[in-house]
């Protein structure tokens, strides 16, 4: 399981906040056995916190025994929108 915490430290409410997790191989390329997974935090007020858990129970992806050993990177990207008034 991978836990990701998003903190809104900006100057306004963040709207429609989404977090996408990818697993990258040693060359920075997304691996074929783990599809990108996106979860939503919704709207985060200033100082708001969103905690997400990513695990294999959603996609049930299979890691083949033929996959090379090595170092893999968990890459997460948060996106959303805000309006300053």
Protein backbone atom coordinates (compact mmCIF):
# COMPACT_ATOMS: atom_id res chain seq x y z
CA UNK A 1 0.00 0.00 0.00
CA UNK A 2 1.18 3.52 -0.80
CA UNK A 3 -0.09 6.46 1.26
CA UNK A 4 -0.08 9.94 -0.25
CA UNK A 5 -0.92 13.10 1.70
CA UNK A 6 -1.86 16.34 -0.06
CA UNK A 7 -1.68 19.61 1.90
CA UNK A 8 -3.17 22.81 0.50
CA UNK A 9 -0.58 25.42 1.48
CA UNK A 10 -1.60 27.88 -1.25
CA UNK A 11 -3.56 31.07 -0.88
CA UNK A 12 -7.02 29.77 -1.81
CA UNK A 13 -9.33 26.78 -1.96
CA UNK A 14 -8.19 24.17 -4.48
CA UNK A 15 -11.07 22.76 -6.55
CA UNK A 16 -11.34 19.31 -8.10
CA UNK A 17 -8.05 18.01 -6.71
CA UNK A 18 -6.95 14.72 -8.28
CA UNK A 19 -3.88 12.61 -7.56
CA UNK A 20 -2.44 10.19 -10.14
CA UNK A 21 0.10 7.50 -9.24
CA UNK A 22 2.41 5.86 -11.78
CA UNK A 23 5.15 3.30 -11.26
CA UNK A 24 8.19 4.05 -13.42
CA UNK A 25 11.04 1.76 -14.44
CA UNK A 26 14.71 2.73 -14.14
CA UNK A 27 14.47 4.72 -17.39
CA UNK A 28 11.51 6.79 -16.16
CA UNK A 29 8.99 4.94 -18.37
CA UNK A 30 5.64 3.79 -16.88
CA UNK A 31 5.67 0.01 -16.39
CA UNK A 32 3.17 -2.09 -18.34
CA UNK A 33 2.00 -4.09 -15.33
CA UNK A 34 0.76 -1.09 -13.34
CA UNK A 35 -1.76 1.20 -14.97
CA UNK A 36 -1.85 4.82 -13.83
CA UNK A 37 -4.41 5.16 -11.07
CA UNK A 38 -6.21 8.41 -10.23
CA UNK A 39 -8.09 9.20 -7.04
CA UNK A 40 -9.87 12.38 -6.08
CA UNK A 41 -9.67 14.62 -3.04
CA UNK A 42 -12.47 16.93 -4.18
CA UNK A 43 -12.15 20.51 -2.98
CA UNK A 44 -9.47 21.39 -0.42
CA UNK A 45 -9.86 24.57 1.58
CA UNK A 46 -6.78 26.57 2.55
CA UNK A 47 -4.84 24.42 5.02
CA UNK A 48 -6.91 21.37 4.08
CA UNK A 49 -5.41 17.89 4.01
CA UNK A 50 -6.34 14.87 1.89
CA UNK A 51 -4.97 11.41 2.61
CA UNK A 52 -5.18 8.74 -0.11
CA UNK A 53 -4.27 5.06 -0.13
CA UNK A 54 -3.22 3.29 -3.31
CA UNK A 55 -2.99 -0.49 -3.32
CA UNK A 56 -3.35 -3.47 -5.61
CA UNK A 57 -6.94 -4.23 -4.56
CA UNK A 58 -8.38 -1.81 -7.14
CA UNK A 59 -6.72 -2.95 -10.38
CA UNK A 60 -5.50 -6.44 -9.42
CA UNK A 61 -2.47 -6.03 -11.68
CA UNK A 62 -0.13 -8.96 -12.09
CA UNK A 63 3.64 -8.61 -11.92
CA UNK A 64 5.13 -11.31 -14.14
CA UNK A 65 8.11 -13.35 -12.97
CA UNK A 66 9.77 -12.22 -16.23
CA UNK A 67 9.88 -8.57 -15.14
CA UNK A 68 13.46 -7.45 -14.57
CA UNK A 69 14.63 -6.73 -11.07
CA UNK A 70 15.80 -3.21 -10.43
CA UNK A 71 14.84 0.13 -8.98
CA UNK A 72 11.35 1.46 -9.59
CA UNK A 73 10.00 4.93 -8.84
CA UNK A 74 6.56 5.78 -7.50
CA UNK A 75 5.55 9.02 -9.23
CA UNK A 76 2.54 10.98 -7.97
CA UNK A 77 1.08 14.10 -9.53
CA UNK A 78 -1.58 16.31 -7.92
CA UNK A 79 -3.72 18.64 -10.04
CA UNK A 80 -6.56 21.03 -9.40
CA UNK A 81 -7.71 24.61 -9.94
CA UNK A 82 -8.11 27.68 -7.78
CA UNK A 83 -9.52 31.20 -8.01
CA UNK A 84 -8.01 34.13 -6.18
CA UNK A 85 -10.46 36.86 -5.26
